[in-house]
PDB file of N, CA and C in Angstrom:
ATOM      1  N   MET A   1       0.827  -1.202   0.000  1.00  0.00           N
ATOM      2  CA  MET A   1       0.000   0.000   0.000  1.00  0.00           C
ATOM      3  C   MET A   1       0.869   1.262   0.000  1.00  0.00           C
ATOM      4  N   LYS A   2       1.958   1.239   0.778  1.00  0.00           N
ATOM      5  CA  LYS A   2       2.843   2.405   0.835  1.00  0.00           C
ATOM      6  C   LYS A   2       3.494   2.668  -0.514  1.00  0.00           C
ATOM      7  N   LYS A   3       3.802   1.600  -1.259  1.00  0.00           N
ATOM      8  CA  LYS A   3       4.415   1.762  -2.575  1.00  0.00           C
ATOM      9  C   LYS A   3       3.448   2.427  -3.545  1.00  0.00           C
ATOM     10  N   ILE A   4       2.184   2.055  -3.486  1.00  0.00           N
ATOM     11  CA  ILE A   4       1.173   2.646  -4.375  1.00  0.00           C
ATOM     12  C   ILE A   4       1.022   4.131  -4.074  1.00  0.00           C
ATOM     13  N   ILE A   5       0.962   4.483  -2.811  1.00  0.00           N
ATOM     14  CA  ILE A   5       0.829   5.891  -2.430  1.00  0.00           C
ATOM     15  C   ILE A   5       2.046   6.679  -2.882  1.00  0.00           C
ATOM     16  N   LEU A   6       3.237   6.105  -2.726  1.00  0.00           N
ATOM     17  CA  LEU A   6       4.461   6.784  -3.161  1.00  0.00           C
ATOM     18  C   LEU A   6       4.465   7.000  -4.668  1.00  0.00           C
ATOM     19  N   ILE A   7       4.066   5.987  -5.421  1.00  0.00           N
ATOM     20  CA  ILE A   7       4.024   6.111  -6.883  1.00  0.00           C
ATOM     21  C   ILE A   7       3.022   7.183  -7.311  1.00  0.00           C
ATOM     22  N   LEU A   8       1.846   7.195  -6.707  1.00  0.00           N
ATOM     23  CA  LEU A   8       0.842   8.215  -7.045  1.00  0.00           C
ATOM     24  C   LEU A   8       1.331   9.608  -6.681  1.00  0.00           C
ATOM     25  N   TRP A   9       1.988   9.731  -5.550  1.00  0.00           N
ATOM     26  CA  TRP A   9       2.511  11.039  -5.128  1.00  0.00           C
ATOM     27  C   TRP A   9       3.587  11.517  -6.089  1.00  0.00           C
ATOM     28  N   LEU A  10       4.493  10.628  -6.495  1.00  0.00           N
ATOM     29  CA  LEU A  10       5.547  11.005  -7.440  1.00  0.00           C
ATOM     30  C   LEU A  10       4.961  11.380  -8.795  1.00  0.00           C
ATOM     31  N   ALA A  11       3.910  10.704  -9.221  1.00  0.00           N
ATOM     32  CA  ALA A  11       3.272  11.015 -10.502  1.00  0.00           C
ATOM     33  C   ALA A  11       2.650  12.402 -10.485  1.00  0.00           C
ATOM     34  N   THR A  12       2.095  12.809  -9.356  1.00  0.00           N
ATOM     35  CA  THR A  12       1.456  14.123  -9.290  1.00  0.00           C
ATOM     36  C   THR A  12       2.475  15.258  -9.315  1.00  0.00           C
ATOM     37  N   LEU A  13       3.710  14.998  -8.950  1.00  0.00           N
ATOM     38  CA  LEU A  13       4.731  16.045  -8.980  1.00  0.00           C
ATOM     39  C   LEU A  13       5.031  16.514 -10.394  1.00  0.00           C
ATOM     40  N   SER A  14       4.887  15.634 -11.370  1.00  0.00           N
ATOM     41  CA  SER A  14       5.197  15.991 -12.750  1.00  0.00           C
ATOM     42  C   SER A  14       4.005  16.561 -13.512  1.00  0.00           C
ATOM     43  N   MET A  15       2.816  16.534 -12.934  1.00  0.00           N
ATOM     44  CA  MET A  15       1.617  17.028 -13.613  1.00  0.00           C
ATOM     45  C   MET A  15       1.508  18.537 -13.473  1.00  0.00           C
ATOM     46  N   LYS A  16       1.330  19.200 -14.598  1.00  0.00           N
ATOM     47  CA  LYS A  16       1.151  20.650 -14.593  1.00  0.00           C
ATOM     48  C   LYS A  16       0.006  20.988 -15.520  1.00  0.00           C
ATOM     49  N   ALA A  17      -1.135  21.277 -14.953  1.00  0.00           N
ATOM     50  CA  ALA A  17      -2.319  21.570 -15.750  1.00  0.00           C
ATOM     51  C   ALA A  17      -2.992  22.817 -15.205  1.00  0.00           C
ATOM     52  N   GLN A  18      -2.211  23.872 -15.094  1.00  0.00           N
ATOM     53  CA  GLN A  18      -2.756  25.102 -14.539  1.00  0.00           C
ATOM     54  C   GLN A  18      -2.692  26.216 -15.575  1.00  0.00           C
ATOM     55  N   LEU A  19      -3.680  27.063 -15.528  1.00  0.00           N
ATOM     56  CA  LEU A  19      -3.752  28.209 -16.424  1.00  0.00           C
ATOM     57  C   LEU A  19      -4.210  29.395 -15.601  1.00  0.00           C
ATOM     58  N   SER A  20      -3.554  30.499 -15.781  1.00  0.00           N
ATOM     59  CA  SER A  20      -3.937  31.701 -15.060  1.00  0.00           C
ATOM     60  C   SER A  20      -4.385  32.759 -16.068  1.00  0.00           C
ATOM     61  N   GLU A  21      -5.592  33.247 -15.910  1.00  0.00           N
ATOM     62  CA  GLU A  21      -6.146  34.276 -16.797  1.00  0.00           C
ATOM     63  C   GLU A  21      -6.951  35.230 -15.942  1.00  0.00           C
ATOM     64  N   ASN A  22      -6.671  36.516 -16.034  1.00  0.00           N
ATOM     65  CA  ASN A  22      -7.398  37.482 -15.213  1.00  0.00           C
ATOM     66  C   ASN A  22      -8.405  38.304 -16.006  1.00  0.00           C
ATOM     67  N   PHE A  23      -8.437  38.165 -17.315  1.00  0.00           N
ATOM     68  CA  PHE A  23      -9.403  38.850 -18.188  1.00  0.00           C
ATOM     69  C   PHE A  23      -9.339  40.367 -18.046  1.00  0.00           C
ATOM     70  N   SER A  24      -8.206  40.894 -17.591  1.00  0.00           N
ATOM     71  CA  SER A  24      -8.082  42.343 -17.397  1.00  0.00           C
ATOM     72  C   SER A  24      -8.101  43.111 -18.712  1.00  0.00           C
ATOM     73  N   ASP A  25      -7.830  42.435 -19.826  1.00  0.00           N
ATOM     74  CA  ASP A  25      -7.889  43.123 -21.114  1.00  0.00           C
ATOM     75  C   ASP A  25      -9.318  43.236 -21.632  1.00  0.00           C
ATOM     76  N   GLY A  26     -10.278  42.615 -20.929  1.00  0.00           N
ATOM     77  CA  GLY A  26     -11.681  42.705 -21.327  1.00  0.00           C
ATOM     78  C   GLY A  26     -12.035  41.843 -22.514  1.00  0.00           C
ATOM     79  N   ASN A  27     -11.116  40.992 -22.947  1.00  0.00           N
ATOM     80  CA  ASN A  27     -11.331  40.192 -24.142  1.00  0.00           C
ATOM     81  C   ASN A  27     -10.952  38.745 -23.858  1.00  0.00           C
ATOM     82  N   TYR A  28     -11.878  37.825 -24.024  1.00  0.00           N
ATOM     83  CA  TYR A  28     -11.571  36.420 -23.830  1.00  0.00           C
ATOM     84  C   TYR A  28     -11.541  35.652 -25.151  1.00  0.00           C
ATOM     85  N   THR A  29     -11.597  36.358 -26.270  1.00  0.00           N
ATOM     86  CA  THR A  29     -11.531  35.689 -27.566  1.00  0.00           C
ATOM     87  C   THR A  29     -10.142  35.780 -28.186  1.00  0.00           C
ATOM     88  N   ALA A  30      -9.193  36.424 -27.498  1.00  0.00           N
ATOM     89  CA  ALA A  30      -7.818  36.516 -27.995  1.00  0.00           C
ATOM     90  C   ALA A  30      -6.849  36.579 -26.822  1.00  0.00           C
ATOM     91  N   ASN A  31      -5.709  35.940 -26.999  1.00  0.00           N
ATOM     92  CA  ASN A  31      -4.572  35.987 -26.068  1.00  0.00           C
ATOM     93  C   ASN A  31      -4.912  35.598 -24.640  1.00  0.00           C
ATOM     94  N   PRO A  32      -5.215  34.389 -24.312  1.00  0.00           N
ATOM     95  CA  PRO A  32      -5.400  33.224 -25.174  1.00  0.00           C
ATOM     96  C   PRO A  32      -6.798  33.200 -25.778  1.00  0.00           C
ATOM     97  N   THR A  33      -6.938  32.456 -26.851  1.00  0.00           N
ATOM     98  CA  THR A  33      -8.226  32.323 -27.512  1.00  0.00           C
ATOM     99  C   THR A  33      -9.083  31.304 -26.778  1.00  0.00           C
ATOM    100  N   TRP A  34     -10.244  31.725 -26.345  1.00  0.00           N
ATOM    101  CA  TRP A  34     -11.206  30.844 -25.693  1.00  0.00           C
ATOM    102  C   TRP A  34     -12.280  30.494 -26.710  1.00  0.00           C
ATOM    103  N   SER A  35     -12.723  29.251 -26.702  1.00  0.00           N
ATOM    104  CA  SER A  35     -13.783  28.823 -27.613  1.00  0.00           C
ATOM    105  C   SER A  35     -14.845  28.070 -26.819  1.00  0.00           C
ATOM    106  N   GLY A  36     -15.972  27.895 -27.429  1.00  0.00           N
ATOM    107  CA  GLY A  36     -17.105  27.233 -26.778  1.00  0.00           C
ATOM    108  C   GLY A  36     -18.331  28.116 -26.905  1.00  0.00           C
ATOM    109  N   ASP A  37     -19.057  28.273 -25.822  1.00  0.00           N
ATOM    110  CA  ASP A  37     -20.275  29.088 -25.813  1.00  0.00           C
ATOM    111  C   ASP A  37     -19.918  30.552 -25.547  1.00  0.00           C
ATOM    112  N   VAL A  38     -19.113  31.141 -26.438  1.00  0.00           N
ATOM    113  CA  VAL A  38     -18.571  32.479 -26.203  1.00  0.00           C
ATOM    114  C   VAL A  38     -19.655  33.555 -26.137  1.00  0.00           C
ATOM    115  N   ALA A  39     -20.765  33.370 -26.795  1.00  0.00           N
ATOM    116  CA  ALA A  39     -21.835  34.368 -26.773  1.00  0.00           C
ATOM    117  C   ALA A  39     -22.543  34.417 -25.424  1.00  0.00           C
ATOM    118  N   SER A  40     -22.314  33.412 -24.588  1.00  0.00           N
ATOM    119  CA  SER A  40     -22.996  33.344 -23.295  1.00  0.00           C
ATOM    120  C   SER A  40     -22.153  33.882 -22.140  1.00  0.00           C
ATOM    121  N   PHE A  41     -21.013  34.486 -22.442  1.00  0.00           N
ATOM    122  CA  PHE A  41     -20.136  35.017 -21.408  1.00  0.00           C
ATOM    123  C   PHE A  41     -19.787  36.470 -21.694  1.00  0.00           C
ATOM    124  N   VAL A  42     -19.550  37.230 -20.655  1.00  0.00           N
ATOM    125  CA  VAL A  42     -19.090  38.612 -20.769  1.00  0.00           C
ATOM    126  C   VAL A  42     -17.997  38.831 -19.735  1.00  0.00           C
ATOM    127  N   VAL A  43     -17.132  39.811 -20.001  1.00  0.00           N
ATOM    128  CA  VAL A  43     -16.112  40.199 -19.037  1.00  0.00           C
ATOM    129  C   VAL A  43     -16.645  41.396 -18.275  1.00  0.00           C
ATOM    130  N   SER A  44     -16.671  41.286 -16.959  1.00  0.00           N
ATOM    131  CA  SER A  44     -17.143  42.360 -16.089  1.00  0.00           C
ATOM    132  C   SER A  44     -16.019  42.686 -15.110  1.00  0.00           C
ATOM    133  N   GLY A  45     -15.434  43.870 -15.259  1.00  0.00           N
ATOM    134  CA  GLY A  45     -14.237  44.182 -14.479  1.00  0.00           C
ATOM    135  C   GLY A  45     -13.108  43.295 -14.976  1.00  0.00           C
ATOM    136  N   ASP A  46     -12.466  42.569 -14.079  1.00  0.00           N
ATOM    137  CA  ASP A  46     -11.433  41.611 -14.465  1.00  0.00           C
ATOM    138  C   ASP A  46     -11.934  40.179 -14.367  1.00  0.00           C
ATOM    139  N   ASN A  47     -13.249  39.995 -14.352  1.00  0.00           N
ATOM    140  CA  ASN A  47     -13.828  38.672 -14.154  1.00  0.00           C
ATOM    141  C   ASN A  47     -14.671  38.241 -15.340  1.00  0.00           C
ATOM    142  N   LEU A  48     -14.651  36.947 -15.593  1.00  0.00           N
ATOM    143  CA  LEU A  48     -15.518  36.362 -16.611  1.00  0.00           C
ATOM    144  C   LEU A  48     -16.836  36.002 -15.948  1.00  0.00           C
ATOM    145  N   ARG A  49     -17.935  36.355 -16.593  1.00  0.00           N
ATOM    146  CA  ARG A  49     -19.252  36.136 -15.997  1.00  0.00           C
ATOM    147  C   ARG A  49     -20.166  35.498 -17.024  1.00  0.00           C
ATOM    148  N   CYS A  50     -20.971  34.542 -16.576  1.00  0.00           N
ATOM    149  CA  CYS A  50     -21.970  33.916 -17.435  1.00  0.00           C
ATOM    150  C   CYS A  50     -23.097  34.913 -17.659  1.00  0.00           C
ATOM    151  N   ASN A  51     -23.519  35.060 -18.893  1.00  0.00           N
ATOM    152  CA  ASN A  51     -24.548  36.028 -19.243  1.00  0.00           C
ATOM    153  C   ASN A  51     -25.851  35.334 -19.666  1.00  0.00           C
ATOM    154  N   SER A  52     -25.985  34.075 -19.345  1.00  0.00           N
ATOM    155  CA  SER A  52     -27.178  33.313 -19.730  1.00  0.00           C
ATOM    156  C   SER A  52     -28.337  33.648 -18.803  1.00  0.00           C
ATOM    157  N   THR A  53     -29.521  33.715 -19.371  1.00  0.00           N
ATOM    158  CA  THR A  53     -30.715  33.953 -18.563  1.00  0.00           C
ATOM    159  C   THR A  53     -31.441  32.648 -18.247  1.00  0.00           C
ATOM    160  N   THR A  54     -30.939  31.533 -18.759  1.00  0.00           N
ATOM    161  CA  THR A  54     -31.547  30.228 -18.528  1.00  0.00           C
ATOM    162  C   THR A  54     -31.028  29.642 -17.216  1.00  0.00           C
ATOM    163  N   VAL A  55     -31.945  29.269 -16.334  1.00  0.00           N
ATOM    164  CA  VAL A  55     -31.565  28.655 -15.059  1.00  0.00           C
ATOM    165  C   VAL A  55     -30.989  27.269 -15.326  1.00  0.00           C
ATOM    166  N   ASN A  56     -29.910  26.928 -14.641  1.00  0.00           N
ATOM    167  CA  ASN A  56     -29.241  25.630 -14.772  1.00  0.00           C
ATOM    168  C   ASN A  56     -28.771  25.345 -16.193  1.00  0.00           C
ATOM    169  N   ASP A  57     -28.375  26.372 -16.909  1.00  0.00           N
ATOM    170  CA  ASP A  57     -27.857  26.214 -18.264  1.00  0.00           C
ATOM    171  C   ASP A  57     -26.487  25.542 -18.207  1.00  0.00           C
ATOM    172  N   THR A  58     -26.169  24.737 -19.183  1.00  0.00           N
ATOM    173  CA  THR A  58     -24.868  24.083 -19.260  1.00  0.00           C
ATOM    174  C   THR A  58     -24.059  24.767 -20.358  1.00  0.00           C
ATOM    175  N   LEU A  59     -22.987  25.429 -19.971  1.00  0.00           N
ATOM    176  CA  LEU A  59     -22.149  26.187 -20.892  1.00  0.00           C
ATOM    177  C   LEU A  59     -20.690  25.827 -20.641  1.00  0.00           C
ATOM    178  N   TYR A  60     -19.838  26.108 -21.614  1.00  0.00           N
ATOM    179  CA  TYR A  60     -18.412  25.862 -21.397  1.00  0.00           C
ATOM    180  C   TYR A  60     -17.564  26.827 -22.203  1.00  0.00           C
ATOM    181  N   LEU A  61     -16.358  27.029 -21.726  1.00  0.00           N
ATOM    182  CA  LEU A  61     -15.301  27.696 -22.457  1.00  0.00           C
ATOM    183  C   LEU A  61     -14.050  26.841 -22.310  1.00  0.00           C
ATOM    184  N   SER A  62     -13.237  26.834 -23.335  1.00  0.00           N
ATOM    185  CA  SER A  62     -11.976  26.094 -23.251  1.00  0.00           C
ATOM    186  C   SER A  62     -10.922  26.841 -24.042  1.00  0.00           C
ATOM    187  N   THR A  63      -9.671  26.557 -23.726  1.00  0.00           N
ATOM    188  CA  THR A  63      -8.555  27.134 -24.450  1.00  0.00           C
ATOM    189  C   THR A  63      -7.473  26.078 -24.588  1.00  0.00           C
ATOM    190  N   PRO A  64      -6.778  26.041 -25.730  1.00  0.00           N
ATOM    191  CA  PRO A  64      -5.702  25.065 -25.883  1.00  0.00           C
ATOM    192  C   PRO A  64      -4.550  25.392 -24.931  1.00  0.00           C
ATOM    193  N   SER A  65      -3.883  24.360 -24.476  1.00  0.00           N
ATOM    194  CA  SER A  65      -2.752  24.550 -23.572  1.00  0.00           C
ATOM    195  C   SER A  65      -1.654  23.573 -23.966  1.00  0.00           C
ATOM    196  N   THR A  66      -0.424  24.052 -23.942  1.00  0.00           N
ATOM    197  CA  THR A  66       0.700  23.173 -24.254  1.00  0.00           C
ATOM    198  C   THR A  66       1.542  22.920 -23.036  1.00  0.00           C
TER     199      THR A  66
END
């Protein structure tokens, strides 16, 4: 059991799947380019906000990452 925990812990050290975006430029369609339900989102201040009027709507945005 200790070996499995050690292997999982070591594997997580090499994983890097983080992205930082503050939307301070007011644009989420460039630098980086976000795609998905772009018409359903707006930038308010430095924050991205859902602009849908449908309760429990399912929306997404994504951006490529290397």
